[in-house]
Protein backbone atom coordinates (compact mmCIF):
# COMPACT_ATOMS: atom_id res chain seq x y z
CA MET A 1 -22.95 -5.43 13.03
CA LYS A 2 -20.35 -2.62 12.60
CA LYS A 3 -19.84 0.81 11.69
CA LEU A 4 -18.94 3.23 9.24
CA TYR A 5 -18.89 6.80 10.10
CA ILE A 6 -18.63 9.35 7.25
CA VAL A 7 -18.00 13.02 8.46
CA LEU A 8 -18.57 16.22 7.08
CA ILE A 9 -16.45 18.66 7.28
CA LYS A 10 -16.12 22.89 7.73
CA ALA A 11 -12.58 23.08 6.86
CA HIS A 12 -10.74 26.33 7.92
CA THR A 13 -8.80 26.83 4.50
CA GLY A 14 -8.97 29.46 2.37
CA LEU A 15 -10.54 27.14 -0.70
CA GLY A 16 -13.21 26.10 2.36
CA SER A 17 -13.84 29.66 2.65
CA ALA A 18 -14.20 30.71 -0.69
CA ALA A 19 -16.38 27.48 -1.64
CA ARG A 20 -19.20 28.20 0.83
CA ARG A 21 -19.36 31.89 -0.03
CA ILE A 22 -20.13 30.68 -3.59
CA THR A 23 -22.25 27.92 -2.59
CA GLY A 24 -23.75 29.00 0.76
CA TYR A 25 -23.34 25.40 2.16
CA PRO A 26 -21.39 25.09 5.14
CA TYR A 27 -19.35 21.96 4.80
CA THR A 28 -16.68 21.41 2.21
CA HIS A 29 -14.56 18.25 2.96
CA ILE A 30 -15.80 14.78 3.39
CA ALA A 31 -13.92 11.83 4.88
CA VAL A 32 -14.99 8.26 6.07
CA SER A 33 -13.97 7.03 9.85
CA LEU A 34 -13.80 3.33 11.06
CA ASP A 35 -13.63 4.32 14.64
CA ARG A 36 -16.11 6.11 16.36
CA SER A 37 -13.39 8.52 18.64
CA MET A 38 -12.99 10.29 15.15
CA THR A 39 -9.34 10.27 15.58
CA ASP A 40 -8.46 8.94 12.32
CA PHE A 41 -10.64 10.31 8.81
CA ILE A 42 -9.43 8.64 5.78
CA SER A 43 -10.15 10.66 2.78
CA PHE A 44 -8.73 12.19 -1.04
CA SER A 45 -7.34 15.75 0.37
CA ARG A 46 -3.63 17.05 0.27
CA LYS A 47 -1.19 15.48 2.67
CA TYR A 48 0.19 18.81 3.96
CA HIS A 49 -1.68 22.49 4.78
CA TYR A 50 0.12 24.55 2.38
CA PHE A 51 0.42 22.37 -0.58
CA PRO A 52 -2.82 21.63 -1.87
CA PHE A 53 -1.70 19.70 -5.21
CA GLU A 54 0.23 17.18 -3.47
CA ALA A 55 -2.93 15.31 -2.68
CA GLY A 56 -4.46 11.42 -2.24
CA ILE A 57 -5.72 9.12 -0.18
CA THR A 58 -4.42 10.20 3.19
CA HIS A 59 -5.36 9.46 6.78
CA GLU A 60 -6.40 13.12 8.44
CA TYR A 61 -6.38 14.07 11.90
CA ARG A 62 -8.43 16.86 14.12
CA HIS A 63 -5.57 18.93 14.01
CA TYR A 64 -5.95 19.36 9.96
CA TYR A 65 -9.21 20.68 10.39
CA ALA A 66 -8.19 22.72 13.79
CA PHE A 67 -4.96 24.69 13.76
CA GLY A 68 -3.78 27.84 14.33
CA ARG A 69 -6.12 29.80 16.44
CA HIS A 70 -8.67 27.60 15.56
CA ARG A 71 -9.36 25.48 18.57
CA SER A 72 -12.50 23.20 16.83
CA PHE A 73 -14.22 22.85 13.97
CA ARG A 74 -17.57 21.97 12.51
CA ALA A 75 -18.75 18.67 11.61
CA LYS A 76 -21.84 16.39 10.89
CA ILE A 77 -21.32 12.78 11.27
CA PHE A 78 -23.38 10.04 10.25
CA GLY A 79 -22.89 6.11 11.73
CA LEU A 80 -23.75 3.69 9.06
CA PRO A 81 -24.76 0.20 10.22
CA VAL A 82 -22.87 -2.32 7.92
CA SER A 83 -22.40 -6.07 7.86
CA ASP A 84 -19.28 -7.45 8.20
CA GLU A 85 -18.65 -8.35 4.67
CA SER A 86 -19.79 -4.82 3.46
CA PHE A 87 -17.22 -3.83 6.27
CA ARG A 88 -14.42 -5.58 4.66
CA ALA A 89 -15.26 -4.59 1.08
CA VAL A 90 -14.96 -0.81 2.45
CA LYS A 91 -11.59 -1.79 3.99
CA ASP A 92 -10.44 -3.62 1.00
CA TYR A 93 -11.35 -0.66 -1.46
CA ILE A 94 -9.42 1.56 1.09
CA ARG A 95 -6.54 -0.28 1.02
CA SER A 96 -6.72 -0.69 -3.11
CA CYS A 97 -6.38 2.98 -3.06
CA GLU A 98 -3.72 3.02 -0.71
CA ASN A 99 -1.55 0.48 -2.98
CA ASP A 100 -2.44 1.88 -6.18
CA GLY A 101 0.85 3.86 -7.10
CA ASP A 102 -1.22 5.48 -10.00
CA MET A 103 -3.50 6.67 -7.71
CA LEU A 104 -4.14 10.57 -8.68
CA PHE A 105 -6.48 13.26 -6.92
CA ASN A 106 -8.77 14.05 -9.56
CA LEU A 107 -8.94 18.02 -9.14
CA PHE A 108 -10.47 18.29 -12.13
CA SER A 109 -13.83 16.72 -11.25
CA MET A 110 -13.96 18.38 -7.83
CA ALA A 111 -13.83 22.15 -9.66
CA THR A 112 -16.41 20.83 -12.62
CA MET A 113 -18.80 19.40 -9.69
CA PRO A 114 -20.98 22.33 -9.17
CA LEU A 115 -20.95 23.38 -13.17
CA ILE A 116 -20.96 19.72 -14.99
CA GLY A 117 -21.56 17.43 -12.26
CA GLY A 118 -17.53 16.33 -12.35
CA PHE A 119 -16.21 13.57 -14.58
CA ARG A 120 -14.11 10.58 -14.10
CA ILE A 121 -10.34 10.16 -14.95
CA PRO A 122 -9.21 6.38 -14.40
CA HIS A 123 -7.48 5.81 -11.10
CA ALA A 124 -8.38 9.04 -9.54
CA ASP A 125 -10.67 10.27 -6.91
CA ASN A 126 -11.33 12.99 -4.80
CA CYS A 127 -12.79 13.46 -1.07
CA MET A 128 -16.71 13.23 -2.79
CA SER A 129 -15.98 10.15 -5.19
CA PHE A 130 -13.70 8.35 -2.39
CA THR A 131 -16.91 9.25 0.03
CA ALA A 132 -19.69 8.37 -2.31
CA ARG A 133 -17.74 4.89 -3.30
CA CYS A 134 -17.35 3.49 0.21
CA ALA A 135 -21.28 4.80 1.22
CA GLU A 136 -22.41 2.20 -1.72
CA LEU A 137 -19.88 -0.29 -0.75
CA SER A 138 -21.64 -0.26 2.70
CA GLY A 139 -24.80 -1.36 1.29
CA CYS A 140 -27.18 1.18 3.26
CA VAL A 141 -27.49 3.55 0.06
CA SER A 142 -28.30 3.08 -3.61
CA LEU A 143 -26.48 5.32 -5.84
CA SER A 144 -28.89 6.72 -8.94
CA ARG A 145 -25.85 7.43 -11.07
CA PRO A 146 -22.39 7.01 -10.72
CA TYR A 147 -20.42 7.53 -7.54
CA TRP A 148 -18.27 9.75 -8.76
CA ARG A 149 -20.78 12.51 -9.73
CA TYR A 150 -21.94 12.97 -6.34
CA SER A 151 -21.16 16.07 -4.23
CA ILE A 152 -20.77 16.80 -0.54
CA LYS A 153 -24.44 17.98 -0.37
CA ASP A 154 -25.08 14.86 -2.37
CA ILE A 155 -23.94 12.61 -0.04
CA ASP A 156 -25.27 14.39 2.75
CA GLY A 157 -28.95 14.36 1.34
CA LEU A 158 -28.62 10.48 0.96
CA LEU A 159 -27.98 9.71 4.88
CA PRO A 160 -30.60 11.68 7.02
CA GLU A 161 -31.78 8.81 8.77
CA TYR A 162 -28.20 7.90 9.60
CA LEU A 163 -27.38 11.28 11.27
CA LEU A 164 -25.33 10.47 14.81
CA PHE A 165 -24.23 14.16 15.59
CA GLU A 166 -23.59 17.70 14.16
CA GLY A 167 -21.67 20.40 16.04
CA SER A 168 -18.57 21.46 16.88
CA ILE A 169 -15.44 18.89 17.25
CA LYS A 170 -12.36 20.04 19.63
CA ARG A 171 -9.01 19.68 18.29
CA THR A 172 -6.44 17.14 19.82
CA GLU A 173 -3.08 18.03 20.71
CA ALA A 174 -0.98 18.24 16.90
CA PRO A 175 2.04 15.98 16.92
CA ASP A 176 4.80 17.08 14.78
CA ASP A 177 3.59 14.96 11.56
CA GLY A 178 4.93 17.46 8.84
CA TYR A 179 1.50 18.85 7.77
CA MET A 180 2.25 22.50 8.63
CA THR A 181 5.30 22.33 6.51
CA PRO A 182 5.88 26.26 6.12
CA PHE A 183 5.12 27.59 2.62
CA GLU A 184 7.64 27.29 -0.54
CA PRO A 185 6.45 28.73 -3.35
CA VAL A 186 8.66 26.65 -5.73
CA ARG A 187 7.27 23.66 -4.04
CA TYR A 188 3.51 24.62 -4.36
CA PHE A 189 4.00 25.67 -8.08
CA ARG A 190 5.81 22.44 -9.09
CA GLY A 191 3.12 20.57 -7.26
CA MET A 192 0.61 22.32 -9.12
CA ALA A 193 2.26 22.02 -12.92
CA GLY A 194 2.75 18.26 -11.81
CA LEU A 195 -0.39 17.39 -10.96
CA LEU A 196 -2.29 19.38 -14.12
CA LEU A 197 -0.35 17.63 -16.56
CA ARG A 198 -0.35 14.31 -15.17
CA LEU A 199 -4.37 14.52 -14.93
CA THR A 200 -4.44 16.21 -18.45
CA TYR A 201 -1.87 13.20 -19.91
CA ARG A 202 -3.97 10.46 -18.63
CA LEU A 203 -7.73 12.49 -19.42
CA VAL A 204 -6.83 12.74 -23.11
CA PHE A 205 -4.70 9.36 -23.77
CA TRP A 206 -7.52 7.69 -21.81
CA LYS A 207 -10.58 9.01 -23.91
CA CYS A 208 -8.31 8.30 -27.03
CA GLY A 209 -8.10 5.00 -25.97
CA ARG A 210 -11.91 4.88 -25.43
CA GLN A 211 -12.49 6.32 -28.69
CA ALA A 212 -9.88 3.52 -30.88
CA GLU A 213 -11.62 0.92 -28.94
CA LYS A 214 -15.07 2.08 -30.72
CA HIS A 215 -13.79 1.95 -34.31
């Protein structure tokens, strides 16, 4: 028997602060961890702090969540007891996402989650859909709707019996791994345009293909 950890995170970001003001819910990011030390978090998120549109599956570390004047971040941790077979299924899913060169960050679903419950784009995920799929593969929870329709708050509501910890986690020493690369306007807007165009193209042609199959 192994443990899969699902971690809800109160992120120190501008988008996180805005989301908390709108929703009144404290946690704005979610990740999984395969290690109780809570030093390696796997999620779909930005790869650099100042470039949110350069995003995808990534390994995150404590200094991604607490930086600058912040010495810690608030988190809620669930520990799901999983069989060896289910643990392999989660790891295989993570590996498949890492090896999928066409995988995109599903910004559209994340942005529309509060209004319409998000929507699916092929080969695209965000932190919520990725974590919900891992929870489903764990065998510890049963999802009543498609995994990509689960918000962070929804996932929180699925797991109360597995709660291990809620409180502050201290950041570790931040290595020079490039995460805090200085802001460059050209890079920011180029990344934004590139992601929006790729998502729109994939969404339009995927829907067209589905409609063609019906006729």
